[in-house]
Structures are given as structure tokens and as C-alpha cells.
C-alpha atoms as a PDB file:
ATOM      1  CA  MET A   1     120.373  25.138  42.784  1.00  0.00           C
ATOM      2  CA  LEU A   2     117.205  25.756  44.749  1.00  0.00           C
ATOM      3  CA  ASN A   3     118.977  24.838  47.999  1.00  0.00           C
ATOM      4  CA  ILE A   4     121.711  27.421  47.361  1.00  0.00           C
ATOM      5  CA  GLN A   5     119.068  30.079  46.693  1.00  0.00           C
ATOM      6  CA  LEU A   6     117.275  29.157  49.908  1.00  0.00           C
ATOM      7  CA  ALA A   7     120.524  29.085  51.880  1.00  0.00           C
ATOM      8  CA  ARG A   8     121.420  32.511  50.470  1.00  0.00           C
ATOM      9  CA  LYS A   9     118.090  33.952  51.681  1.00  0.00           C
ATOM     10  CA  TYR A  10     118.569  32.604  55.200  1.00  0.00           C
ATOM     11  CA  ALA A  11     122.230  33.658  55.315  1.00  0.00           C
ATOM     12  CA  ARG A  12     121.305  37.141  54.080  1.00  0.00           C
ATOM     13  CA  ALA A  13     118.589  37.456  56.737  1.00  0.00           C
ATOM     14  CA  MET A  14     120.996  36.421  59.503  1.00  0.00           C
ATOM     15  CA  PHE A  15     123.650  38.740  58.089  1.00  0.00           C
ATOM     16  CA  GLU A  16     121.272  41.716  58.035  1.00  0.00           C
ATOM     17  CA  LEU A  17     120.206  41.021  61.622  1.00  0.00           C
ATOM     18  CA  ALA A  18     123.862  40.812  62.675  1.00  0.00           C
ATOM     19  CA  GLN A  19     124.619  44.077  60.889  1.00  0.00           C
ATOM     20  CA  GLU A  20     121.713  45.837  62.593  1.00  0.00           C
ATOM     21  CA  GLU A  21     122.915  44.640  65.975  1.00  0.00           C
ATOM     22  CA  ASP A  22     126.598  45.254  65.130  1.00  0.00           C
ATOM     23  CA  LYS A  23     127.445  41.610  65.828  1.00  0.00           C
ATOM     24  CA  LEU A  24     128.812  40.358  62.505  1.00  0.00           C
ATOM     25  CA  VAL A  25     131.834  38.670  64.044  1.00  0.00           C
ATOM     26  CA  GLU A  26     130.023  37.244  67.078  1.00  0.00           C
ATOM     27  CA  TYR A  27     127.178  35.679  65.122  1.00  0.00           C
ATOM     28  CA  GLY A  28     129.625  34.401  62.539  1.00  0.00           C
ATOM     29  CA  LYS A  29     131.654  32.626  65.218  1.00  0.00           C
ATOM     30  CA  GLU A  30     128.512  31.137  66.709  1.00  0.00           C
ATOM     31  CA  LEU A  31     127.261  29.861  63.351  1.00  0.00           C
ATOM     32  CA  ALA A  32     130.696  28.346  62.687  1.00  0.00           C
ATOM     33  CA  GLU A  33     130.619  26.634  66.098  1.00  0.00           C
ATOM     34  CA  VAL A  34     127.137  25.245  65.422  1.00  0.00           C
ATOM     35  CA  ARG A  35     128.281  23.936  62.053  1.00  0.00           C
ATOM     36  CA  GLU A  36     131.414  22.415  63.558  1.00  0.00           C
ATOM     37  CA  VAL A  37     129.458  20.613  66.278  1.00  0.00           C
ATOM     38  CA  ILE A  38     126.860  19.270  63.846  1.00  0.00           C
ATOM     39  CA  ASP A  39     129.527  18.224  61.313  1.00  0.00           C
ATOM     40  CA  SER A  40     131.643  16.541  63.992  1.00  0.00           C
ATOM     41  CA  ILE A  41     128.762  14.238  64.949  1.00  0.00           C
ATOM     42  CA  PRO A  42     127.454  12.656  61.728  1.00  0.00           C
ATOM     43  CA  ALA A  43     124.519  11.079  63.567  1.00  0.00           C
ATOM     44  CA  ALA A  44     123.368  14.535  64.725  1.00  0.00           C
ATOM     45  CA  GLY A  45     123.514  15.895  61.179  1.00  0.00           C
ATOM     46  CA  ALA A  46     121.585  12.907  59.868  1.00  0.00           C
ATOM     47  CA  PHE A  47     119.028  13.262  62.661  1.00  0.00           C
ATOM     48  CA  LEU A  48     118.484  16.965  62.037  1.00  0.00           C
ATOM     49  CA  SER A  49     118.252  16.516  58.256  1.00  0.00           C
ATOM     50  CA  ASN A  50     115.864  13.569  58.388  1.00  0.00           C
ATOM     51  CA  PRO A  51     112.373  14.714  57.280  1.00  0.00           C
ATOM     52  CA  GLN A  52     110.779  11.779  59.141  1.00  0.00           C
ATOM     53  CA  VAL A  53     112.030  13.015  62.518  1.00  0.00           C
ATOM     54  CA  ASP A  54     109.552  15.219  64.357  1.00  0.00           C
ATOM     55  CA  ASN A  55     110.507  18.909  64.491  1.00  0.00           C
ATOM     56  CA  GLN A  56     110.038  18.990  68.256  1.00  0.00           C
ATOM     57  CA  ALA A  57     112.661  16.255  68.681  1.00  0.00           C
ATOM     58  CA  LYS A  58     115.056  18.300  66.542  1.00  0.00           C
ATOM     59  CA  LYS A  59     114.342  21.416  68.601  1.00  0.00           C
ATOM     60  CA  ASP A  60     114.944  19.481  71.810  1.00  0.00           C
ATOM     61  CA  LEU A  61     118.349  18.389  70.523  1.00  0.00           C
ATOM     62  CA  LEU A  62     119.239  21.959  69.510  1.00  0.00           C
ATOM     63  CA  LYS A  63     118.068  23.228  72.890  1.00  0.00           C
ATOM     64  CA  LYS A  64     120.346  20.811  74.755  1.00  0.00           C
ATOM     65  CA  ALA A  65     123.295  21.527  72.501  1.00  0.00           C
ATOM     66  CA  PHE A  66     123.074  25.271  71.871  1.00  0.00           C
ATOM     67  CA  GLU A  67     120.531  27.202  73.960  1.00  0.00           C
ATOM     68  CA  LYS A  68     123.118  28.236  76.562  1.00  0.00           C
ATOM     69  CA  ASN A  69     126.122  28.243  74.206  1.00  0.00           C
ATOM     70  CA  VAL A  70     124.997  30.715  71.544  1.00  0.00           C
ATOM     71  CA  SER A  71     123.158  34.028  71.534  1.00  0.00           C
ATOM     72  CA  THR A  72     119.374  34.067  71.658  1.00  0.00           C
ATOM     73  CA  GLU A  73     119.259  35.334  68.067  1.00  0.00           C
ATOM     74  CA  VAL A  74     121.378  32.493  66.671  1.00  0.00           C
ATOM     75  CA  TYR A  75     119.470  29.933  68.752  1.00  0.00           C
ATOM     76  CA  HIS A  76     116.114  31.208  67.445  1.00  0.00           C
ATOM     77  CA  PHE A  77     117.546  31.246  63.923  1.00  0.00           C
ATOM     78  CA  LEU A  78     118.332  27.527  64.294  1.00  0.00           C
ATOM     79  CA  LEU A  79     114.781  26.879  65.498  1.00  0.00           C
ATOM     80  CA  LEU A  80     113.456  28.783  62.470  1.00  0.00           C
ATOM     81  CA  LEU A  81     115.546  26.580  60.177  1.00  0.00           C
ATOM     82  CA  VAL A  82     113.971  23.520  61.830  1.00  0.00           C
ATOM     83  CA  ASP A  83     110.440  24.957  61.478  1.00  0.00           C
ATOM     84  CA  LYS A  84     111.035  25.653  57.784  1.00  0.00           C
ATOM     85  CA  ARG A  85     112.687  22.241  57.303  1.00  0.00           C
ATOM     86  CA  ARG A  86     115.951  23.909  56.267  1.00  0.00           C
ATOM     87  CA  ILE A  87     118.322  22.885  59.074  1.00  0.00           C
ATOM     88  CA  GLY A  88     120.110  20.630  56.562  1.00  0.00           C
ATOM     89  CA  LEU A  89     121.327  23.822  54.864  1.00  0.00           C
ATOM     90  CA  ILE A  90     123.350  24.983  57.888  1.00  0.00           C
ATOM     91  CA  ASP A  91     126.712  24.361  56.156  1.00  0.00           C
ATOM     92  CA  ALA A  92     125.742  26.436  53.110  1.00  0.00           C
ATOM     93  CA  VAL A  93     124.148  29.118  55.291  1.00  0.00           C
ATOM     94  CA  GLU A  94     127.313  29.438  57.371  1.00  0.00           C
ATOM     95  CA  ASP A  95     129.515  29.597  54.245  1.00  0.00           C
ATOM     96  CA  LEU A  96     127.367  32.296  52.670  1.00  0.00           C
ATOM     97  CA  TYR A  97     127.075  34.258  55.921  1.00  0.00           C
ATOM     98  CA  ARG A  98     130.868  34.241  56.252  1.00  0.00           C
ATOM     99  CA  GLY A  99     131.175  35.548  52.692  1.00  0.00           C
ATOM    100  CA  PHE A 100     128.688  38.364  53.346  1.00  0.00           C
ATOM    101  CA  SER A 101     130.454  39.224  56.588  1.00  0.00           C
ATOM    102  CA  TYR A 102     133.894  39.285  54.976  1.00  0.00           C
ATOM    103  CA  ASP A 103     132.626  41.500  52.138  1.00  0.00           C
ATOM    104  CA  ALA A 104     131.094  43.931  54.609  1.00  0.00           C
ATOM    105  CA  ARG A 105     134.335  44.105  56.594  1.00  0.00           C
ATOM    106  CA  GLY A 106     136.599  44.389  53.528  1.00  0.00           C
ATOM    107  CA  ILE A 107     138.195  40.976  53.979  1.00  0.00           C
ATOM    108  CA  VAL A 108     139.220  38.872  50.993  1.00  0.00           C
ATOM    109  CA  ILE A 109     139.921  35.128  51.083  1.00  0.00           C
ATOM    110  CA  ALA A 110     143.119  34.065  49.369  1.00  0.00           C
ATOM    111  CA  ASP A 111     143.627  30.383  48.635  1.00  0.00           C
ATOM    112  CA  VAL A 112     147.374  29.863  48.889  1.00  0.00           C
ATOM    113  CA  THR A 113     148.886  26.599  47.691  1.00  0.00           C
ATOM    114  CA  THR A 114     152.502  25.726  48.427  1.00  0.00           C
ATOM    115  CA  ALA A 115     154.634  22.633  47.875  1.00  0.00           C
ATOM    116  CA  LYS A 116     155.286  22.318  51.623  1.00  0.00           C
ATOM    117  CA  PRO A 117     153.415  23.773  54.585  1.00  0.00           C
ATOM    118  CA  ALA A 118     154.103  27.515  54.859  1.00  0.00           C
ATOM    119  CA  SER A 119     155.757  28.725  58.052  1.00  0.00           C
ATOM    120  CA  GLU A 120     154.235  31.497  60.157  1.00  0.00           C
ATOM    121  CA  LYS A 121     156.831  33.909  58.757  1.00  0.00           C
ATOM    122  CA  GLN A 122     156.000  32.956  55.156  1.00  0.00           C
ATOM    123  CA  GLN A 123     152.272  33.275  55.835  1.00  0.00           C
ATOM    124  CA  LYS A 124     152.785  36.748  57.273  1.00  0.00           C
ATOM    125  CA  LYS A 125     154.899  37.791  54.272  1.00  0.00           C
ATOM    126  CA  ILE A 126     152.315  36.476  51.800  1.00  0.00           C
ATOM    127  CA  THR A 127     149.493  38.208  53.680  1.00  0.00           C
ATOM    128  CA  GLU A 128     151.333  41.536  53.760  1.00  0.00           C
ATOM    129  CA  LYS A 129     152.150  41.383  50.039  1.00  0.00           C
ATOM    130  CA  LEU A 130     148.589  40.469  49.072  1.00  0.00           C
ATOM    131  CA  GLU A 131     147.182  43.239  51.276  1.00  0.00           C
ATOM    132  CA  GLN A 132     149.478  45.711  49.477  1.00  0.00           C
ATOM    133  CA  VAL A 133     148.357  44.485  46.062  1.00  0.00           C
ATOM    134  CA  THR A 134     144.610  44.299  46.807  1.00  0.00           C
ATOM    135  CA  GLY A 135     144.279  47.140  49.306  1.00  0.00           C
ATOM    136  CA  LYS A 136     142.088  44.884  51.461  1.00  0.00           C
ATOM    137  CA  SER A 137     142.522  42.694  54.512  1.00  0.00           C
ATOM    138  CA  ILE A 138     143.490  39.170  53.548  1.00  0.00           C
ATOM    139  CA  LYS A 139     142.497  35.922  55.193  1.00  0.00           C
ATOM    140  CA  LEU A 140     144.614  32.999  54.023  1.00  0.00           C
ATOM    141  CA  ARG A 141     143.231  29.555  53.323  1.00  0.00           C
ATOM    142  CA  LEU A 142     146.298  27.336  53.083  1.00  0.00           C
ATOM    143  CA  HIS A 143     146.712  24.249  50.902  1.00  0.00           C
ATOM    144  CA  VAL A 144     149.661  21.957  50.238  1.00  0.00           C
ATOM    145  CA  ASP A 145     150.359  20.328  46.857  1.00  0.00           C
ATOM    146  CA  ASP A 146     153.781  18.719  46.472  1.00  0.00           C
ATOM    147  CA  ARG A 147     153.339  18.651  42.678  1.00  0.00           C
ATOM    148  CA  LEU A 148     154.195  22.364  42.659  1.00  0.00           C
ATOM    149  CA  ILE A 149     157.845  21.476  43.398  1.00  0.00           C
ATOM    150  CA  GLY A 150     158.339  24.948  44.918  1.00  0.00           C
ATOM    151  CA  GLY A 151     156.907  28.457  44.919  1.00  0.00           C
ATOM    152  CA  VAL A 152     153.323  29.453  45.507  1.00  0.00           C
ATOM    153  CA  VAL A 153     149.973  29.637  43.713  1.00  0.00           C
ATOM    154  CA  VAL A 154     147.476  32.239  44.926  1.00  0.00           C
ATOM    155  CA  GLN A 155     143.793  32.299  44.002  1.00  0.00           C
ATOM    156  CA  ILE A 156     141.713  35.343  44.967  1.00  0.00           C
ATOM    157  CA  GLY A 157     138.231  35.148  43.527  1.00  0.00           C
ATOM    158  CA  ASP A 158     138.699  34.554  39.805  1.00  0.00           C
ATOM    159  CA  LYS A 159     142.290  35.818  39.745  1.00  0.00           C
ATOM    160  CA  ARG A 160     145.113  33.310  39.832  1.00  0.00           C
ATOM    161  CA  ILE A 161     148.776  34.110  40.394  1.00  0.00           C
ATOM    162  CA  ASP A 162     151.028  31.159  39.601  1.00  0.00           C
ATOM    163  CA  GLY A 163     154.504  31.612  41.022  1.00  0.00           C
ATOM    164  CA  SER A 164     155.222  27.900  41.291  1.00  0.00           C
ATOM    165  CA  VAL A 165     158.148  26.064  39.748  1.00  0.00           C
ATOM    166  CA  THR A 166     155.719  23.751  37.981  1.00  0.00           C
ATOM    167  CA  GLY A 167     153.853  26.751  36.540  1.00  0.00           C
ATOM    168  CA  ARG A 168     157.075  28.304  35.282  1.00  0.00           C
ATOM    169  CA  LEU A 169     158.176  25.026  33.703  1.00  0.00           C
ATOM    170  CA  MET A 170     154.816  24.669  31.937  1.00  0.00           C
ATOM    171  CA  LYS A 171     155.073  28.242  30.632  1.00  0.00           C
ATOM    172  CA  LEU A 172     158.627  27.599  29.387  1.00  0.00           C
ATOM    173  CA  ARG A 173     157.480  24.388  27.713  1.00  0.00           C
ATOM    174  CA  LYS A 174     154.699  26.233  25.853  1.00  0.00           C
ATOM    175  CA  GLU A 175     157.158  28.907  24.694  1.00  0.00           C
ATOM    176  CA  LEU A 176     159.624  26.313  23.440  1.00  0.00           C
ATOM    177  CA  LEU A 177     156.936  24.352  21.599  1.00  0.00           C
ATOM    178  CA  ALA A 178     155.572  27.548  20.039  1.00  0.00           C
ATOM    179  CA  ASN A 179     159.030  28.395  18.614  1.00  0.00           C
ATOM    180  CA  LYS A 180     159.482  25.068  16.773  1.00  0.00           C
END
């Protein structure tokens, strides 16, 4: 719980800096790239998160990996996380930053689950329909679950729309059992 609160503070600070400089998207991409690189090399993540490793060694690694590949602000933000012994929170910070950025830009994440992978055409149709319904820009996060049999389940925040065959069968079953 404490880690999420700390991550939220750092993400909020980075978000506010990005807003001031009108670089929400750019800094978001850079934070995502940093996270991807660190997550793709488990030894690097373990090294950076290890409290027994000297901060200067961590900074040297970050310098080699990111100094020329990200903006000065994001690079210095990473160094700050090392100084405060919070670099292990980079995944949570990036997640929270993305959420703040999407909110500020009017983008909503829709988790869309289908029985089979959705085609580009289906994704476009789903996005357009959800944008009509919500009045906001939609970013799809796609999932596949063959237990759905067919149809689609959409989750936006705490709202769930179940248009799957499995969902309809379960609803029918409840109705039939209620009428006994």
C-alpha cells in the first residue's frame, strides 16, 4: 500500500512536469521505453532494485542505458528515483503516469475480451461504438478467452458489458431456474 502511494507521488510529479512542458505523450513514451528495457532484462531490474548495490553503480547503469536515449527530464527523474531508493517502483510509476496522462487527454482504456483474436476491422468497429457511447477517445486493451464461445465482453473502469454467448447462456440459465 505504501509503495503505491509513493509511486503515485512520483508519477504525479512527473505528470505535472510533463504538463507544464506540454510533453505528456513524449515523456509517457520514454517512461514506457525505460520500463520495457528494464523489464526485458531481469538482471537489470534485480540490480537496480537491490538495496545492497551502491547508488552510483545504479546511476552508471542508467547513464549507459538511457542518458542519450531519453530526454534530460526523464533521465534526471530516473536518477532521482535511484537517490530516493525508489527505482524499483518504475513499473507502478509508469502505469500511474499513463493513467494520469490518459485522463488529461480524455482517453479511456477499454479491456475487450473476445473468444478469438479480433481483426483490425472488428477492433475499429468496437472502438467507434465505444467512443459513441462514452463520448471519449478509446484505447483498446485486447484479451482472448475461448471460454466465451463467441461475442465480446467490454470492461471500462467499473462498468462491464457482457455480449458474449457464455454470458447470454448464463443469463438464460438464471431466468429458467428462477421460473421453476
